[in-house]
Amino acid sequence: MFDLLYACAVGDEATAAHCLRRAASGCLREVARTCGRGRSPLHVAILGGNGHLVPLLLRAGAACDAQDRDGVTAAMFAAQRELPDALAALISAGANLQLRARDGSVALHCAARSGNTAAITQLLQAGCPLHTVDLLGNTPLHEACGNGHVEAAHLLLQAGASANSGACAMRRVSSPSDA
């Protein structure tokens, strides 16, 4: 028995396509199956670094706005990783980039937190607001600065982010002298 979730995790496009063809009439049900953490094949493909599977899954009817148990969407995962084509496919499919994870973060927070400047650019071009705050009051700029991503912070500032918005709940960055 072929398993779509496994094929997505390992990046096996031929097996994923086979699973979707076998499912034929039940295709939407197959792409909606989730693992124990509530992650769909779309989530699993992106987490496995297999962004090339995203268009196949979207064509088969995968819900681009499905959220896992933590409220994280495929777009949030793609924004954290170096998967610009996957993020572009999700944006083109109409992904809601303002859905919030359980911690209140949106896709732009995720991109800034990981310092993914390509994703930040894509999300800004798609119209994501700069000053969205998470449950701690942090904006994407706070996330970039708090995680030491200078280029990401500079990009957000150039786009108009304000260092004075949000709660400014910056995380303390440890230095070797703190040990």
N, C-alpha and C. Protein backbone atom coordinates (compact mmCIF):
# COMPACT_ATOMS: atom_id res chain seq x y z
N MET A 1 0.85 -1.18 0.00
CA MET A 1 0.00 0.00 0.00
C MET A 1 0.89 1.24 0.00
N PHE A 2 0.64 2.12 -0.93
CA PHE A 2 1.39 3.37 -1.01
C PHE A 2 0.77 4.36 -0.04
N ASP A 3 1.60 5.20 0.55
CA ASP A 3 1.12 6.17 1.51
C ASP A 3 1.51 7.56 1.06
N LEU A 4 0.53 8.42 0.85
CA LEU A 4 0.79 9.77 0.38
C LEU A 4 1.61 10.58 1.38
N LEU A 5 1.31 10.45 2.65
CA LEU A 5 2.08 11.20 3.65
C LEU A 5 3.55 10.82 3.61
N TYR A 6 3.84 9.53 3.49
CA TYR A 6 5.23 9.08 3.41
C TYR A 6 5.89 9.60 2.14
N ALA A 7 5.20 9.49 1.02
CA ALA A 7 5.76 9.96 -0.25
C ALA A 7 6.09 11.45 -0.17
N CYS A 8 5.24 12.23 0.50
CA CYS A 8 5.49 13.66 0.65
C CYS A 8 6.67 13.92 1.57
N ALA A 9 6.81 13.11 2.61
CA ALA A 9 7.91 13.29 3.56
C ALA A 9 9.26 13.03 2.91
N VAL A 10 9.32 12.05 2.03
CA VAL A 10 10.60 11.70 1.41
C VAL A 10 10.79 12.35 0.05
N GLY A 11 9.78 13.07 -0.45
CA GLY A 11 9.91 13.78 -1.72
C GLY A 11 9.75 12.91 -2.95
N ASP A 12 9.07 11.80 -2.82
CA ASP A 12 8.88 10.87 -3.94
C ASP A 12 7.68 11.29 -4.78
N GLU A 13 7.95 12.09 -5.80
CA GLU A 13 6.87 12.63 -6.64
C GLU A 13 6.11 11.54 -7.38
N ALA A 14 6.82 10.53 -7.88
CA ALA A 14 6.16 9.46 -8.64
C ALA A 14 5.16 8.71 -7.74
N THR A 15 5.57 8.39 -6.53
CA THR A 15 4.67 7.68 -5.62
C THR A 15 3.52 8.58 -5.18
N ALA A 16 3.80 9.84 -4.93
CA ALA A 16 2.73 10.78 -4.56
C ALA A 16 1.70 10.86 -5.68
N ALA A 17 2.18 10.99 -6.92
CA ALA A 17 1.26 11.07 -8.06
C ALA A 17 0.47 9.77 -8.19
N HIS A 18 1.14 8.63 -7.96
CA HIS A 18 0.46 7.33 -8.01
C HIS A 18 -0.64 7.25 -6.95
N CYS A 19 -0.33 7.69 -5.74
CA CYS A 19 -1.34 7.67 -4.67
C CYS A 19 -2.55 8.52 -5.03
N LEU A 20 -2.28 9.67 -5.61
CA LEU A 20 -3.38 10.56 -5.98
C LEU A 20 -4.20 9.99 -7.13
N ARG A 21 -3.53 9.33 -8.09
CA ARG A 21 -4.27 8.70 -9.20
C ARG A 21 -5.13 7.55 -8.67
N ARG A 22 -4.57 6.73 -7.76
CA ARG A 22 -5.31 5.60 -7.20
C ARG A 22 -6.51 6.08 -6.42
N ALA A 23 -6.37 7.22 -5.80
CA ALA A 23 -7.46 7.76 -5.00
C ALA A 23 -8.56 8.31 -5.89
N ALA A 24 -8.21 8.65 -7.13
CA ALA A 24 -9.10 9.22 -8.15
C ALA A 24 -10.34 9.90 -7.58
N SER A 25 -11.41 9.18 -7.35
CA SER A 25 -12.64 9.81 -6.88
C SER A 25 -12.51 10.29 -5.43
N GLY A 26 -11.63 9.67 -4.67
CA GLY A 26 -11.44 10.08 -3.28
C GLY A 26 -10.23 10.97 -3.10
N CYS A 27 -9.82 11.62 -4.17
CA CYS A 27 -8.60 12.42 -4.16
C CYS A 27 -8.61 13.50 -3.08
N LEU A 28 -9.73 14.19 -2.95
CA LEU A 28 -9.79 15.25 -1.95
C LEU A 28 -9.64 14.68 -0.54
N ARG A 29 -10.18 13.49 -0.33
CA ARG A 29 -10.05 12.86 0.98
C ARG A 29 -8.59 12.50 1.25
N GLU A 30 -7.89 12.00 0.25
CA GLU A 30 -6.50 11.59 0.41
C GLU A 30 -5.60 12.78 0.75
N VAL A 31 -5.77 13.91 0.06
CA VAL A 31 -4.92 15.06 0.34
C VAL A 31 -5.31 15.75 1.63
N ALA A 32 -6.47 15.38 2.20
CA ALA A 32 -6.90 15.97 3.47
C ALA A 32 -6.50 15.11 4.67
N ARG A 33 -5.99 13.89 4.42
CA ARG A 33 -5.54 13.03 5.52
C ARG A 33 -4.44 13.72 6.30
N THR A 34 -4.40 13.47 7.58
CA THR A 34 -3.36 14.10 8.40
C THR A 34 -2.64 13.06 9.24
N CYS A 35 -1.46 13.46 9.69
CA CYS A 35 -0.69 12.62 10.61
C CYS A 35 -1.12 12.97 12.03
N GLY A 36 -0.46 12.40 13.00
CA GLY A 36 -0.82 12.59 14.40
C GLY A 36 -0.79 14.03 14.88
N ARG A 37 0.01 14.87 14.26
CA ARG A 37 0.09 16.27 14.68
C ARG A 37 -0.88 17.15 13.88
N GLY A 38 -1.74 16.52 13.11
CA GLY A 38 -2.71 17.28 12.33
C GLY A 38 -2.12 17.86 11.06
N ARG A 39 -0.99 17.33 10.64
CA ARG A 39 -0.33 17.87 9.44
C ARG A 39 -0.77 17.10 8.21
N SER A 40 -1.12 17.86 7.18
CA SER A 40 -1.57 17.31 5.92
C SER A 40 -0.37 16.94 5.05
N PRO A 41 -0.61 16.25 3.92
CA PRO A 41 0.49 15.98 3.00
C PRO A 41 1.20 17.27 2.56
N LEU A 42 0.47 18.35 2.44
CA LEU A 42 1.08 19.64 2.06
C LEU A 42 2.07 20.09 3.14
N HIS A 43 1.66 20.03 4.40
CA HIS A 43 2.57 20.36 5.51
C HIS A 43 3.81 19.46 5.48
N VAL A 44 3.56 18.16 5.34
CA VAL A 44 4.63 17.16 5.41
C VAL A 44 5.62 17.35 4.27
N ALA A 45 5.13 17.64 3.08
CA ALA A 45 6.02 17.87 1.94
C ALA A 45 6.94 19.05 2.21
N ILE A 46 6.39 20.13 2.71
CA ILE A 46 7.19 21.34 2.97
C ILE A 46 8.17 21.10 4.11
N LEU A 47 7.72 20.46 5.17
CA LEU A 47 8.62 20.17 6.29
C LEU A 47 9.78 19.28 5.87
N GLY A 48 9.52 18.40 4.90
CA GLY A 48 10.58 17.53 4.39
C GLY A 48 11.47 18.21 3.36
N GLY A 49 11.20 19.51 3.09
CA GLY A 49 11.99 20.22 2.09
C GLY A 49 11.62 19.86 0.67
N ASN A 50 10.44 19.31 0.49
CA ASN A 50 10.00 18.82 -0.82
C ASN A 50 8.96 19.74 -1.45
N GLY A 51 9.35 20.99 -1.61
CA GLY A 51 8.45 21.99 -2.18
C GLY A 51 8.00 21.67 -3.59
N HIS A 52 8.77 20.85 -4.30
CA HIS A 52 8.37 20.49 -5.67
C HIS A 52 7.05 19.72 -5.71
N LEU A 53 6.62 19.17 -4.57
CA LEU A 53 5.35 18.44 -4.52
C LEU A 53 4.14 19.35 -4.31
N VAL A 54 4.38 20.59 -3.91
CA VAL A 54 3.28 21.50 -3.59
C VAL A 54 2.32 21.70 -4.76
N PRO A 55 2.79 22.01 -5.98
CA PRO A 55 1.84 22.17 -7.09
C PRO A 55 1.01 20.92 -7.35
N LEU A 56 1.62 19.74 -7.27
CA LEU A 56 0.90 18.48 -7.47
C LEU A 56 -0.23 18.34 -6.44
N LEU A 57 0.08 18.62 -5.19
CA LEU A 57 -0.92 18.50 -4.13
C LEU A 57 -2.02 19.54 -4.26
N LEU A 58 -1.64 20.75 -4.64
CA LEU A 58 -2.66 21.80 -4.83
C LEU A 58 -3.59 21.45 -5.98
N ARG A 59 -3.03 20.92 -7.08
CA ARG A 59 -3.87 20.52 -8.22
C ARG A 59 -4.83 19.40 -7.82
N ALA A 60 -4.41 18.57 -6.87
CA ALA A 60 -5.26 17.46 -6.42
C ALA A 60 -6.30 17.91 -5.40
N GLY A 61 -6.27 19.19 -5.04
CA GLY A 61 -7.30 19.72 -4.15
C GLY A 61 -6.87 19.92 -2.71
N ALA A 62 -5.57 19.88 -2.43
CA ALA A 62 -5.11 20.12 -1.06
C ALA A 62 -5.55 21.51 -0.61
N ALA A 63 -5.99 21.60 0.62
CA ALA A 63 -6.43 22.88 1.19
C ALA A 63 -5.20 23.68 1.59
N CYS A 64 -4.95 24.77 0.90
CA CYS A 64 -3.72 25.54 1.17
C CYS A 64 -3.77 26.24 2.52
N ASP A 65 -4.93 26.35 3.14
CA ASP A 65 -5.04 27.02 4.44
C ASP A 65 -5.23 26.06 5.61
N ALA A 66 -5.04 24.77 5.37
CA ALA A 66 -5.19 23.81 6.48
C ALA A 66 -4.17 24.13 7.56
N GLN A 67 -4.63 24.05 8.82
CA GLN A 67 -3.76 24.33 9.96
C GLN A 67 -3.55 23.05 10.76
N ASP A 68 -2.31 22.87 11.24
CA ASP A 68 -2.03 21.71 12.08
C ASP A 68 -2.51 21.99 13.50
N ARG A 69 -2.20 21.13 14.43
CA ARG A 69 -2.68 21.30 15.82
C ARG A 69 -2.18 22.58 16.47
N ASP A 70 -1.06 23.11 15.98
CA ASP A 70 -0.53 24.36 16.51
C ASP A 70 -1.01 25.57 15.73
N GLY A 71 -1.90 25.33 14.77
CA GLY A 71 -2.43 26.42 13.95
C GLY A 71 -1.51 26.84 12.82
N VAL A 72 -0.45 26.07 12.58
CA VAL A 72 0.53 26.43 11.56
C VAL A 72 0.05 25.96 10.19
N THR A 73 0.17 26.84 9.21
CA THR A 73 -0.23 26.53 7.84
C THR A 73 0.99 26.13 7.01
N ALA A 74 0.73 25.60 5.84
CA ALA A 74 1.81 25.26 4.91
C ALA A 74 2.59 26.51 4.52
N ALA A 75 1.90 27.64 4.37
CA ALA A 75 2.58 28.89 4.02
C ALA A 75 3.54 29.32 5.12
N MET A 76 3.16 29.10 6.37
CA MET A 76 4.06 29.44 7.48
C MET A 76 5.32 28.58 7.44
N PHE A 77 5.13 27.28 7.20
CA PHE A 77 6.30 26.39 7.10
C PHE A 77 7.17 26.77 5.90
N ALA A 78 6.55 27.08 4.77
CA ALA A 78 7.32 27.46 3.58
C ALA A 78 8.07 28.76 3.82
N ALA A 79 7.48 29.67 4.59
CA ALA A 79 8.13 30.95 4.89
C ALA A 79 9.35 30.76 5.78
N GLN A 80 9.36 29.71 6.59
CA GLN A 80 10.49 29.44 7.48
C GLN A 80 11.65 28.80 6.74
N ARG A 81 11.37 28.19 5.61
CA ARG A 81 12.38 27.42 4.90
C ARG A 81 12.75 28.10 3.58
N GLU A 82 13.78 27.62 2.98
CA GLU A 82 14.22 28.15 1.68
C GLU A 82 13.45 27.44 0.57
N LEU A 83 12.15 27.67 0.50
CA LEU A 83 11.29 27.04 -0.51
C LEU A 83 10.46 28.10 -1.22
N PRO A 84 11.14 29.00 -1.97
CA PRO A 84 10.41 30.10 -2.60
C PRO A 84 9.37 29.65 -3.62
N ASP A 85 9.62 28.56 -4.34
CA ASP A 85 8.63 28.09 -5.31
C ASP A 85 7.39 27.55 -4.62
N ALA A 86 7.58 26.87 -3.50
CA ALA A 86 6.44 26.36 -2.75
C ALA A 86 5.60 27.51 -2.20
N LEU A 87 6.28 28.52 -1.65
CA LEU A 87 5.56 29.67 -1.12
C LEU A 87 4.82 30.40 -2.24
N ALA A 88 5.47 30.55 -3.38
CA ALA A 88 4.83 31.21 -4.53
C ALA A 88 3.59 30.43 -4.98
N ALA A 89 3.68 29.09 -5.00
CA ALA A 89 2.54 28.27 -5.40
C ALA A 89 1.38 28.44 -4.42
N LEU A 90 1.69 28.50 -3.14
CA LEU A 90 0.65 28.69 -2.12
C LEU A 90 0.00 30.07 -2.24
N ILE A 91 0.83 31.08 -2.48
CA ILE A 91 0.29 32.44 -2.66
C ILE A 91 -0.60 32.48 -3.89
N SER A 92 -0.15 31.87 -4.98
CA SER A 92 -0.95 31.84 -6.23
C SER A 92 -2.25 31.08 -6.04
N ALA A 93 -2.24 30.08 -5.16
CA ALA A 93 -3.45 29.29 -4.90
C ALA A 93 -4.41 30.01 -3.96
N GLY A 94 -3.99 31.19 -3.48
CA GLY A 94 -4.89 31.98 -2.63
C GLY A 94 -4.74 31.73 -1.15
N ALA A 95 -3.60 31.24 -0.72
CA ALA A 95 -3.39 31.00 0.70
C ALA A 95 -3.64 32.28 1.50
N ASN A 96 -4.33 32.12 2.61
CA ASN A 96 -4.59 33.25 3.51
C ASN A 96 -3.35 33.46 4.36
N LEU A 97 -2.58 34.47 4.05
CA LEU A 97 -1.31 34.72 4.72
C LEU A 97 -1.48 35.39 6.08
N GLN A 98 -2.72 35.69 6.44
CA GLN A 98 -2.98 36.31 7.74
C GLN A 98 -3.58 35.35 8.76
N LEU A 99 -3.68 34.06 8.40
CA LEU A 99 -4.11 33.08 9.40
C LEU A 99 -3.07 33.06 10.51
N ARG A 100 -3.54 32.88 11.72
CA ARG A 100 -2.65 32.92 12.88
C ARG A 100 -2.44 31.54 13.47
N ALA A 101 -1.21 31.28 13.84
CA ALA A 101 -0.88 30.07 14.59
C ALA A 101 -1.35 30.26 16.02
N ARG A 102 -1.25 29.23 16.82
CA ARG A 102 -1.70 29.30 18.21
C ARG A 102 -0.99 30.41 18.99
N ASP A 103 0.27 30.73 18.61
CA ASP A 103 1.02 31.79 19.29
C ASP A 103 0.73 33.18 18.73
N GLY A 104 -0.20 33.25 17.79
CA GLY A 104 -0.60 34.54 17.21
C GLY A 104 0.25 34.98 16.04
N SER A 105 1.26 34.20 15.68
CA SER A 105 2.12 34.61 14.56
C SER A 105 1.47 34.30 13.22
N VAL A 106 1.89 35.07 12.22
CA VAL A 106 1.45 34.87 10.84
C VAL A 106 2.69 34.50 10.01
N ALA A 107 2.49 34.27 8.73
CA ALA A 107 3.59 33.82 7.86
C ALA A 107 4.78 34.78 7.89
N LEU A 108 4.54 36.08 7.95
CA LEU A 108 5.65 37.04 7.95
C LEU A 108 6.47 36.92 9.24
N HIS A 109 5.85 36.63 10.36
CA HIS A 109 6.60 36.36 11.59
C HIS A 109 7.54 35.17 11.38
N CYS A 110 7.01 34.12 10.75
CA CYS A 110 7.79 32.89 10.53
C CYS A 110 9.00 33.16 9.65
N ALA A 111 8.81 33.91 8.58
CA ALA A 111 9.92 34.24 7.68
C ALA A 111 10.96 35.09 8.40
N ALA A 112 10.51 36.07 9.17
CA ALA A 112 11.44 36.95 9.89
C ALA A 112 12.19 36.19 10.98
N ARG A 113 11.49 35.31 11.67
CA ARG A 113 12.09 34.51 12.76
C ARG A 113 13.24 33.65 12.24
N SER A 114 13.11 33.18 11.00
CA SER A 114 14.15 32.32 10.43
C SER A 114 15.13 33.11 9.57
N GLY A 115 14.88 34.40 9.38
CA GLY A 115 15.79 35.22 8.58
C GLY A 115 15.68 34.96 7.09
N ASN A 116 14.57 34.44 6.64
CA ASN A 116 14.38 34.09 5.23
C ASN A 116 13.99 35.35 4.44
N THR A 117 14.99 36.05 3.93
CA THR A 117 14.74 37.32 3.24
C THR A 117 13.96 37.14 1.94
N ALA A 118 14.16 36.02 1.25
CA ALA A 118 13.40 35.77 0.02
C ALA A 118 11.90 35.65 0.34
N ALA A 119 11.59 34.92 1.41
CA ALA A 119 10.18 34.77 1.81
C ALA A 119 9.61 36.09 2.30
N ILE A 120 10.40 36.87 3.03
CA ILE A 120 9.93 38.18 3.48
C ILE A 120 9.55 39.02 2.28
N THR A 121 10.40 39.03 1.27
CA THR A 121 10.12 39.80 0.05
C THR A 121 8.84 39.31 -0.62
N GLN A 122 8.69 37.99 -0.75
CA GLN A 122 7.49 37.42 -1.37
C GLN A 122 6.24 37.82 -0.58
N LEU A 123 6.31 37.72 0.73
CA LEU A 123 5.14 38.02 1.56
C LEU A 123 4.78 39.50 1.52
N LEU A 124 5.79 40.35 1.52
CA LEU A 124 5.53 41.79 1.41
C LEU A 124 4.91 42.13 0.06
N GLN A 125 5.41 41.51 -1.00
CA GLN A 125 4.85 41.73 -2.33
C GLN A 125 3.41 41.23 -2.42
N ALA A 126 3.09 40.23 -1.60
CA ALA A 126 1.72 39.69 -1.59
C ALA A 126 0.79 40.53 -0.70
N GLY A 127 1.35 41.57 -0.07
CA GLY A 127 0.53 42.49 0.71
C GLY A 127 0.44 42.22 2.20
N CYS A 128 1.32 41.41 2.72
CA CYS A 128 1.29 41.16 4.18
C CYS A 128 1.63 42.43 4.94
N PRO A 129 0.83 42.76 5.95
CA PRO A 129 1.12 43.96 6.75
C PRO A 129 2.36 43.75 7.62
N LEU A 130 3.11 44.82 7.77
CA LEU A 130 4.37 44.79 8.52
C LEU A 130 4.19 44.77 10.03
N HIS A 131 3.09 45.32 10.52
CA HIS A 131 2.96 45.58 11.95
C HIS A 131 2.02 44.63 12.68
N THR A 132 1.79 43.45 12.11
CA THR A 132 0.96 42.46 12.79
C THR A 132 1.70 41.99 14.04
N VAL A 133 0.98 41.90 15.15
CA VAL A 133 1.62 41.47 16.40
C VAL A 133 1.12 40.09 16.81
N ASP A 134 2.02 39.30 17.40
CA ASP A 134 1.64 37.98 17.91
C ASP A 134 1.11 38.14 19.34
N LEU A 135 0.88 37.05 20.02
CA LEU A 135 0.30 37.12 21.36
C LEU A 135 1.21 37.78 22.39
N LEU A 136 2.52 37.81 22.10
CA LEU A 136 3.46 38.48 23.00
C LEU A 136 3.67 39.94 22.63
N GLY A 137 3.00 40.38 21.56
CA GLY A 137 3.15 41.76 21.11
C GLY A 137 4.31 41.97 20.15
N ASN A 138 4.91 40.89 19.68
CA ASN A 138 6.04 41.00 18.76
C ASN A 138 5.59 41.14 17.32
N THR A 139 6.26 42.03 16.60
CA THR A 139 6.04 42.18 15.16
C THR A 139 7.09 41.33 14.43
N PRO A 140 6.96 41.18 13.13
CA PRO A 140 8.01 40.49 12.38
C PRO A 140 9.39 41.13 12.58
N LEU A 141 9.46 42.44 12.71
CA LEU A 141 10.75 43.09 12.95
C LEU A 141 11.34 42.63 14.28
N HIS A 142 10.52 42.53 15.32
CA HIS A 142 11.01 42.03 16.61
C HIS A 142 11.57 40.62 16.46
N GLU A 143 10.87 39.78 15.68
CA GLU A 143 11.32 38.40 15.47
C GLU A 143 12.68 38.37 14.77
N ALA A 144 12.84 39.20 13.74
CA ALA A 144 14.12 39.22 13.01
C ALA A 144 15.24 39.68 13.94
N CYS A 145 15.02 40.77 14.65
CA CYS A 145 16.05 41.30 15.56
C CYS A 145 16.34 40.35 16.70
N GLY A 146 15.31 39.81 17.30
CA GLY A 146 15.47 38.92 18.44
C GLY A 146 16.18 37.63 18.12
N ASN A 147 16.21 37.27 16.84
CA ASN A 147 16.89 36.04 16.42
C ASN A 147 18.18 36.33 15.67
N GLY A 148 18.61 37.59 15.71
CA GLY A 148 19.90 37.95 15.12
C GLY A 148 19.96 37.99 13.61
N HIS A 149 18.83 38.21 12.96
CA HIS A 149 18.79 38.23 11.50
C HIS A 149 18.83 39.68 10.99
N VAL A 150 20.03 40.21 10.90
CA VAL A 150 20.25 41.61 10.56
C VAL A 150 19.71 41.94 9.17
N GLU A 151 19.99 41.08 8.17
CA GLU A 151 19.51 41.36 6.81
C GLU A 151 17.98 41.39 6.76
N ALA A 152 17.36 40.47 7.46
CA ALA A 152 15.89 40.43 7.49
C ALA A 152 15.35 41.69 8.17
N ALA A 153 15.97 42.10 9.27
CA ALA A 153 15.54 43.31 9.96
C ALA A 153 15.70 44.53 9.05
N HIS A 154 16.82 44.61 8.36
CA HIS A 154 17.07 45.73 7.45
C HIS A 154 16.02 45.76 6.34
N LEU A 155 15.69 44.61 5.79
CA LEU A 155 14.67 44.53 4.74
C LEU A 155 13.31 45.01 5.26
N LEU A 156 12.95 44.59 6.46
CA LEU A 156 11.67 45.01 7.04
C LEU A 156 11.66 46.52 7.32
N LEU A 157 12.78 47.05 7.80
CA LEU A 157 12.87 48.50 8.03
C LEU A 157 12.76 49.27 6.72
N GLN A 158 13.41 48.79 5.68
CA GLN A 158 13.32 49.44 4.37
C GLN A 158 11.88 49.43 3.85
N ALA A 159 11.13 48.39 4.20
CA ALA A 159 9.74 48.28 3.75
C ALA A 159 8.80 49.15 4.58
N GLY A 160 9.32 49.74 5.67
CA GLY A 160 8.50 50.64 6.47
C GLY A 160 8.15 50.15 7.86
N ALA A 161 8.75 49.06 8.30
CA ALA A 161 8.47 48.57 9.65
C ALA A 161 8.94 49.59 10.66
N SER A 162 8.21 49.69 11.75
CA SER A 162 8.56 50.62 12.82
C SER A 162 9.11 49.84 14.01
N ALA A 163 10.25 50.29 14.49
CA ALA A 163 10.84 49.66 15.67
C ALA A 163 10.02 49.95 16.92
N ASN A 164 9.11 50.88 16.84
CA ASN A 164 8.32 51.28 18.01
C ASN A 164 6.94 50.65 18.07
N SER A 165 6.60 49.77 17.13
CA SER A 165 5.28 49.15 17.18
C SER A 165 5.35 47.83 17.92
N GLY A 166 4.22 47.38 18.44
CA GLY A 166 4.18 46.13 19.20
C GLY A 166 4.67 46.35 20.62
N ALA A 167 4.80 45.28 21.36
CA ALA A 167 5.18 45.36 22.76
C ALA A 167 6.69 45.41 22.95
N CYS A 168 7.42 45.25 21.88
CA CYS A 168 8.88 45.28 21.91
C CYS A 168 9.41 44.26 22.91
N ALA A 169 8.80 43.09 22.92
CA ALA A 169 9.22 42.01 23.83
C ALA A 169 10.38 41.25 23.21
N MET A 170 11.50 41.92 23.12
CA MET A 170 12.68 41.32 22.50
C MET A 170 13.26 40.24 23.40
N ARG A 171 13.64 39.14 22.78
CA ARG A 171 14.30 38.07 23.52
C ARG A 171 15.75 38.46 23.77
N ARG A 172 16.24 38.07 24.91
CA ARG A 172 17.64 38.33 25.26
C ARG A 172 18.53 37.37 24.49
N VAL A 173 19.51 37.90 23.82
CA VAL A 173 20.46 37.08 23.07
C VAL A 173 21.63 36.77 23.99
N SER A 174 21.91 35.50 24.18
CA SER A 174 23.00 35.09 25.04
C SER A 174 24.34 35.34 24.38
N SER A 175 25.30 35.69 25.17
CA SER A 175 26.65 35.85 24.67
C SER A 175 27.55 34.88 25.43
N PRO A 176 28.74 34.62 24.90
CA PRO A 176 29.63 33.69 25.58
C PRO A 176 29.91 34.10 27.02
N SER A 177 29.87 35.40 27.34
CA SER A 177 30.15 35.83 28.70
C SER A 177 29.03 35.50 29.67
N ASP A 178 27.82 35.10 29.11
CA ASP A 178 26.69 34.73 29.98
C ASP A 178 26.84 33.34 30.54
N ALA A 179 27.76 32.54 30.01
CA ALA A 179 27.89 31.13 30.43
C ALA A 179 28.49 30.99 31.81
